[in-house]
Amino acid sequence: MEQESTRQLKVAGQIKRDMAEIIRSRGMSAFKGALVTVSGVKITPDLAVAKVYLSIFPSDKTAEVMQIIEQMSSSLRGELGRLVSKQLRIVPELDFRIDDSLDYVEHIDELLKK
């Protein structure tokens, strides 16, 4: 696994904060009442693609919410572009992923209880 550069980490951090704010500003109603949080962002060395990891609660709405996010993808990227236009020459493509670490923790918990 290649070490991320300081620039990648800074840009990823900025995108994480901005995406969290954009998604928060849309409100839970935009996501059928689900709580959507940005749990992390990884960006390619050329800063062209950002993998945005989302945590969705309740998790049974994950598929539905991901569909909504994919439909909103270009407008989310547009909003991000307005926020980062001063810092970045190009707005990275957004690749939304599920952060299932909470589900994993729950699964491990259940296994340990057995």
N, C-alpha and C. Protein backbone atom coordinates (compact mmCIF):
# COMPACT_ATOMS: atom_id res chain seq x y z
N MET A 1 0.85 -1.19 0.00
CA MET A 1 0.00 0.00 0.00
C MET A 1 0.89 1.24 0.00
N GLU A 2 0.67 2.07 -0.97
CA GLU A 2 1.48 3.27 -1.15
C GLU A 2 1.09 4.35 -0.14
N GLN A 3 2.10 5.03 0.41
CA GLN A 3 1.86 6.10 1.39
C GLN A 3 1.27 7.32 0.67
N GLU A 4 0.23 7.89 1.26
CA GLU A 4 -0.37 9.08 0.66
C GLU A 4 0.50 10.30 0.95
N SER A 5 0.60 11.19 -0.03
CA SER A 5 1.40 12.40 0.15
C SER A 5 0.66 13.38 1.07
N THR A 6 1.41 14.35 1.59
CA THR A 6 0.82 15.38 2.45
C THR A 6 -0.29 16.10 1.68
N ARG A 7 -0.02 16.39 0.42
CA ARG A 7 -1.02 17.09 -0.41
C ARG A 7 -2.29 16.25 -0.54
N GLN A 8 -2.13 14.95 -0.80
CA GLN A 8 -3.30 14.06 -0.90
C GLN A 8 -4.10 14.08 0.40
N LEU A 9 -3.40 14.00 1.52
CA LEU A 9 -4.08 13.98 2.82
C LEU A 9 -4.82 15.29 3.08
N LYS A 10 -4.18 16.42 2.73
CA LYS A 10 -4.82 17.73 2.92
C LYS A 10 -6.06 17.87 2.04
N VAL A 11 -5.91 17.50 0.76
CA VAL A 11 -7.03 17.61 -0.18
C VAL A 11 -8.17 16.68 0.25
N ALA A 12 -7.81 15.45 0.64
CA ALA A 12 -8.83 14.48 1.09
C ALA A 12 -9.56 15.02 2.31
N GLY A 13 -8.83 15.61 3.24
CA GLY A 13 -9.44 16.19 4.44
C GLY A 13 -10.40 17.32 4.10
N GLN A 14 -9.97 18.16 3.16
CA GLN A 14 -10.81 19.29 2.74
C GLN A 14 -12.09 18.78 2.06
N ILE A 15 -11.94 17.78 1.18
CA ILE A 15 -13.10 17.22 0.48
C ILE A 15 -14.05 16.56 1.49
N LYS A 16 -13.47 15.88 2.48
CA LYS A 16 -14.30 15.23 3.51
C LYS A 16 -15.15 16.27 4.24
N ARG A 17 -14.51 17.37 4.67
CA ARG A 17 -15.25 18.43 5.39
C ARG A 17 -16.33 19.05 4.49
N ASP A 18 -15.94 19.36 3.25
CA ASP A 18 -16.88 20.02 2.33
C ASP A 18 -18.05 19.10 1.97
N MET A 19 -17.75 17.82 1.67
CA MET A 19 -18.83 16.88 1.31
C MET A 19 -19.77 16.67 2.49
N ALA A 20 -19.20 16.60 3.71
CA ALA A 20 -20.03 16.43 4.90
C ALA A 20 -21.00 17.61 5.03
N GLU A 21 -20.49 18.80 4.79
CA GLU A 21 -21.33 20.01 4.89
C GLU A 21 -22.40 20.01 3.79
N ILE A 22 -22.02 19.65 2.57
CA ILE A 22 -22.97 19.62 1.45
C ILE A 22 -24.09 18.62 1.74
N ILE A 23 -23.71 17.43 2.18
CA ILE A 23 -24.71 16.38 2.46
C ILE A 23 -25.58 16.81 3.65
N ARG A 24 -24.97 17.40 4.68
CA ARG A 24 -25.74 17.87 5.83
C ARG A 24 -26.75 18.93 5.41
N SER A 25 -26.32 19.82 4.52
CA SER A 25 -27.20 20.91 4.09
C SER A 25 -28.40 20.41 3.28
N ARG A 26 -28.27 19.24 2.67
CA ARG A 26 -29.40 18.68 1.91
C ARG A 26 -30.49 18.18 2.86
N GLY A 27 -30.10 17.83 4.07
CA GLY A 27 -31.06 17.36 5.07
C GLY A 27 -31.39 15.89 4.91
N MET A 28 -31.88 15.31 6.00
CA MET A 28 -32.21 13.88 5.99
C MET A 28 -33.35 13.56 5.03
N SER A 29 -34.23 14.54 4.79
CA SER A 29 -35.38 14.29 3.91
C SER A 29 -34.93 13.95 2.48
N ALA A 30 -33.80 14.51 2.06
CA ALA A 30 -33.28 14.22 0.72
C ALA A 30 -32.86 12.76 0.60
N PHE A 31 -32.59 12.13 1.74
CA PHE A 31 -32.12 10.74 1.75
C PHE A 31 -33.14 9.81 2.41
N LYS A 32 -34.43 10.12 2.21
CA LYS A 32 -35.53 9.28 2.73
C LYS A 32 -35.44 9.06 4.24
N GLY A 33 -35.00 10.09 4.96
CA GLY A 33 -34.94 10.00 6.41
C GLY A 33 -33.71 9.29 6.97
N ALA A 34 -32.81 8.88 6.10
CA ALA A 34 -31.59 8.21 6.57
C ALA A 34 -30.55 9.26 6.96
N LEU A 35 -29.73 8.91 7.93
CA LEU A 35 -28.63 9.77 8.34
C LEU A 35 -27.40 9.37 7.53
N VAL A 36 -26.88 10.30 6.73
CA VAL A 36 -25.72 10.02 5.88
C VAL A 36 -24.53 10.83 6.38
N THR A 37 -23.45 10.15 6.70
CA THR A 37 -22.25 10.86 7.13
C THR A 37 -21.06 10.45 6.26
N VAL A 38 -20.16 11.39 6.05
CA VAL A 38 -18.95 11.12 5.29
C VAL A 38 -17.91 10.64 6.29
N SER A 39 -17.54 9.35 6.20
CA SER A 39 -16.63 8.80 7.19
C SER A 39 -15.17 8.87 6.76
N GLY A 40 -14.93 9.09 5.47
CA GLY A 40 -13.55 9.20 5.01
C GLY A 40 -13.48 9.50 3.53
N VAL A 41 -12.31 9.98 3.10
CA VAL A 41 -12.07 10.26 1.69
C VAL A 41 -10.65 9.83 1.37
N LYS A 42 -10.50 9.10 0.29
CA LYS A 42 -9.17 8.74 -0.23
C LYS A 42 -9.09 9.34 -1.63
N ILE A 43 -7.96 9.95 -1.95
CA ILE A 43 -7.83 10.59 -3.26
C ILE A 43 -6.62 10.03 -3.99
N THR A 44 -6.74 9.89 -5.30
CA THR A 44 -5.65 9.35 -6.12
C THR A 44 -4.49 10.35 -6.13
N PRO A 45 -3.26 9.86 -6.38
CA PRO A 45 -2.09 10.76 -6.39
C PRO A 45 -2.22 11.95 -7.35
N ASP A 46 -2.95 11.78 -8.46
CA ASP A 46 -3.12 12.89 -9.41
C ASP A 46 -4.31 13.79 -9.05
N LEU A 47 -4.94 13.50 -7.89
CA LEU A 47 -6.07 14.28 -7.38
C LEU A 47 -7.28 14.28 -8.33
N ALA A 48 -7.37 13.28 -9.20
CA ALA A 48 -8.45 13.25 -10.19
C ALA A 48 -9.68 12.49 -9.70
N VAL A 49 -9.50 11.53 -8.79
CA VAL A 49 -10.63 10.74 -8.31
C VAL A 49 -10.61 10.68 -6.79
N ALA A 50 -11.74 11.01 -6.20
CA ALA A 50 -11.87 10.93 -4.74
C ALA A 50 -12.88 9.84 -4.41
N LYS A 51 -12.44 8.86 -3.62
CA LYS A 51 -13.35 7.84 -3.11
C LYS A 51 -13.94 8.39 -1.82
N VAL A 52 -15.24 8.60 -1.82
CA VAL A 52 -15.92 9.17 -0.66
C VAL A 52 -16.65 8.04 0.06
N TYR A 53 -16.22 7.77 1.29
CA TYR A 53 -16.82 6.69 2.07
C TYR A 53 -17.97 7.23 2.91
N LEU A 54 -19.15 6.63 2.74
CA LEU A 54 -20.35 7.09 3.43
C LEU A 54 -20.82 6.06 4.43
N SER A 55 -21.27 6.56 5.55
CA SER A 55 -21.87 5.72 6.57
C SER A 55 -23.36 6.08 6.57
N ILE A 56 -24.23 5.08 6.45
CA ILE A 56 -25.66 5.31 6.33
C ILE A 56 -26.39 4.61 7.47
N PHE A 57 -27.23 5.39 8.17
CA PHE A 57 -28.00 4.83 9.27
C PHE A 57 -29.46 5.19 9.09
N PRO A 58 -30.40 4.29 9.17
CA PRO A 58 -30.21 2.86 9.45
C PRO A 58 -29.66 2.14 8.22
N SER A 59 -28.90 1.09 8.46
CA SER A 59 -28.20 0.42 7.36
C SER A 59 -29.14 -0.29 6.38
N ASP A 60 -30.41 -0.53 6.78
CA ASP A 60 -31.32 -1.18 5.83
C ASP A 60 -31.74 -0.24 4.69
N LYS A 61 -31.40 1.04 4.80
CA LYS A 61 -31.71 2.00 3.73
C LYS A 61 -30.52 2.23 2.80
N THR A 62 -29.44 1.50 3.03
CA THR A 62 -28.20 1.73 2.29
C THR A 62 -28.38 1.71 0.77
N ALA A 63 -29.01 0.67 0.23
CA ALA A 63 -29.15 0.56 -1.23
C ALA A 63 -29.95 1.73 -1.81
N GLU A 64 -31.04 2.06 -1.14
CA GLU A 64 -31.91 3.16 -1.59
C GLU A 64 -31.15 4.49 -1.55
N VAL A 65 -30.43 4.73 -0.46
CA VAL A 65 -29.69 5.99 -0.30
C VAL A 65 -28.55 6.08 -1.32
N MET A 66 -27.87 4.97 -1.56
CA MET A 66 -26.77 4.98 -2.54
C MET A 66 -27.30 5.32 -3.94
N GLN A 67 -28.49 4.84 -4.24
CA GLN A 67 -29.10 5.16 -5.53
C GLN A 67 -29.36 6.67 -5.64
N ILE A 68 -29.89 7.25 -4.57
CA ILE A 68 -30.15 8.70 -4.52
C ILE A 68 -28.84 9.47 -4.68
N ILE A 69 -27.80 9.03 -3.95
CA ILE A 69 -26.48 9.69 -4.01
C ILE A 69 -25.94 9.65 -5.44
N GLU A 70 -26.04 8.48 -6.09
CA GLU A 70 -25.55 8.35 -7.47
C GLU A 70 -26.29 9.32 -8.39
N GLN A 71 -27.61 9.46 -8.19
CA GLN A 71 -28.37 10.39 -9.03
C GLN A 71 -27.96 11.84 -8.77
N MET A 72 -27.60 12.14 -7.53
CA MET A 72 -27.19 13.50 -7.15
C MET A 72 -25.72 13.76 -7.45
N SER A 73 -25.00 12.74 -7.84
CA SER A 73 -23.55 12.80 -7.95
C SER A 73 -23.03 14.05 -8.66
N SER A 74 -23.59 14.37 -9.82
CA SER A 74 -23.05 15.51 -10.56
C SER A 74 -23.36 16.84 -9.87
N SER A 75 -24.53 16.95 -9.23
CA SER A 75 -24.80 18.21 -8.53
C SER A 75 -23.96 18.31 -7.25
N LEU A 76 -23.68 17.17 -6.61
CA LEU A 76 -22.80 17.18 -5.44
C LEU A 76 -21.40 17.61 -5.86
N ARG A 77 -20.94 17.09 -7.00
CA ARG A 77 -19.61 17.46 -7.50
C ARG A 77 -19.57 18.94 -7.86
N GLY A 78 -20.67 19.45 -8.43
CA GLY A 78 -20.76 20.87 -8.77
C GLY A 78 -20.64 21.75 -7.54
N GLU A 79 -21.37 21.37 -6.47
CA GLU A 79 -21.30 22.13 -5.22
C GLU A 79 -19.89 22.07 -4.64
N LEU A 80 -19.30 20.88 -4.69
CA LEU A 80 -17.93 20.72 -4.19
C LEU A 80 -17.00 21.63 -4.99
N GLY A 81 -17.21 21.67 -6.29
CA GLY A 81 -16.39 22.51 -7.17
C GLY A 81 -16.41 23.97 -6.77
N ARG A 82 -17.58 24.46 -6.41
CA ARG A 82 -17.68 25.86 -5.97
C ARG A 82 -16.89 26.08 -4.67
N LEU A 83 -16.91 25.07 -3.79
CA LEU A 83 -16.22 25.22 -2.51
C LEU A 83 -14.69 25.09 -2.63
N VAL A 84 -14.21 24.26 -3.55
CA VAL A 84 -12.76 24.03 -3.63
C VAL A 84 -12.10 24.74 -4.81
N SER A 85 -12.86 25.56 -5.54
CA SER A 85 -12.32 26.19 -6.75
C SER A 85 -11.05 27.00 -6.49
N LYS A 86 -10.92 27.56 -5.29
CA LYS A 86 -9.73 28.36 -4.97
C LYS A 86 -8.51 27.47 -4.71
N GLN A 87 -8.75 26.25 -4.20
CA GLN A 87 -7.64 25.38 -3.83
C GLN A 87 -7.22 24.40 -4.94
N LEU A 88 -8.18 23.97 -5.76
CA LEU A 88 -7.88 22.93 -6.74
C LEU A 88 -8.16 23.40 -8.16
N ARG A 89 -7.29 23.00 -9.09
CA ARG A 89 -7.53 23.33 -10.49
C ARG A 89 -8.66 22.50 -11.07
N ILE A 90 -8.65 21.19 -10.75
CA ILE A 90 -9.73 20.34 -11.24
C ILE A 90 -10.50 19.78 -10.05
N VAL A 91 -11.79 19.64 -10.24
CA VAL A 91 -12.62 19.04 -9.19
C VAL A 91 -12.57 17.53 -9.43
N PRO A 92 -12.17 16.77 -8.43
CA PRO A 92 -12.06 15.33 -8.64
C PRO A 92 -13.41 14.66 -8.93
N GLU A 93 -13.35 13.58 -9.70
CA GLU A 93 -14.54 12.75 -9.89
C GLU A 93 -14.85 12.16 -8.52
N LEU A 94 -16.12 12.02 -8.19
CA LEU A 94 -16.50 11.46 -6.91
C LEU A 94 -16.95 10.02 -7.08
N ASP A 95 -16.33 9.15 -6.33
CA ASP A 95 -16.66 7.72 -6.36
C ASP A 95 -17.20 7.38 -4.97
N PHE A 96 -18.53 7.27 -4.86
CA PHE A 96 -19.14 7.04 -3.55
C PHE A 96 -19.10 5.56 -3.20
N ARG A 97 -18.66 5.29 -1.98
CA ARG A 97 -18.54 3.91 -1.48
C ARG A 97 -19.22 3.81 -0.13
N ILE A 98 -19.61 2.61 0.23
CA ILE A 98 -20.19 2.37 1.55
C ILE A 98 -19.06 2.09 2.53
N ASP A 99 -19.10 2.79 3.66
CA ASP A 99 -18.18 2.46 4.74
C ASP A 99 -18.93 1.48 5.63
N ASP A 100 -18.60 0.22 5.51
CA ASP A 100 -19.34 -0.79 6.28
C ASP A 100 -18.60 -1.21 7.54
N SER A 101 -17.69 -0.36 8.01
CA SER A 101 -16.94 -0.72 9.21
C SER A 101 -17.86 -0.85 10.43
N LEU A 102 -18.93 -0.04 10.51
CA LEU A 102 -19.87 -0.16 11.62
C LEU A 102 -20.60 -1.50 11.58
N ASP A 103 -21.03 -1.90 10.37
CA ASP A 103 -21.68 -3.21 10.21
C ASP A 103 -20.72 -4.32 10.61
N TYR A 104 -19.46 -4.14 10.24
CA TYR A 104 -18.43 -5.13 10.56
C TYR A 104 -18.26 -5.24 12.07
N VAL A 105 -18.21 -4.09 12.74
CA VAL A 105 -18.08 -4.07 14.21
C VAL A 105 -19.27 -4.78 14.85
N GLU A 106 -20.49 -4.47 14.34
CA GLU A 106 -21.70 -5.12 14.86
C GLU A 106 -21.62 -6.64 14.68
N HIS A 107 -21.17 -7.06 13.50
CA HIS A 107 -21.05 -8.48 13.17
C HIS A 107 -20.08 -9.17 14.14
N ILE A 108 -18.93 -8.56 14.37
CA ILE A 108 -17.94 -9.10 15.29
C ILE A 108 -18.52 -9.18 16.71
N ASP A 109 -19.23 -8.11 17.09
CA ASP A 109 -19.90 -8.09 18.40
C ASP A 109 -20.84 -9.27 18.57
N GLU A 110 -21.66 -9.51 17.52
CA GLU A 110 -22.61 -10.62 17.56
C GLU A 110 -21.88 -11.97 17.68
N LEU A 111 -20.80 -12.10 16.93
CA LEU A 111 -20.02 -13.34 16.97
C LEU A 111 -19.43 -13.55 18.38
N LEU A 112 -18.97 -12.45 18.98
CA LEU A 112 -18.36 -12.56 20.31
C LEU A 112 -19.42 -12.93 21.38
N LYS A 113 -20.64 -12.44 21.18
CA LYS A 113 -21.71 -12.75 22.13
C LYS A 113 -22.09 -14.22 22.10
N LYS A 114 -21.90 -14.86 20.93
CA LYS A 114 -22.21 -16.28 20.78
C LYS A 114 -21.11 -17.06 21.43
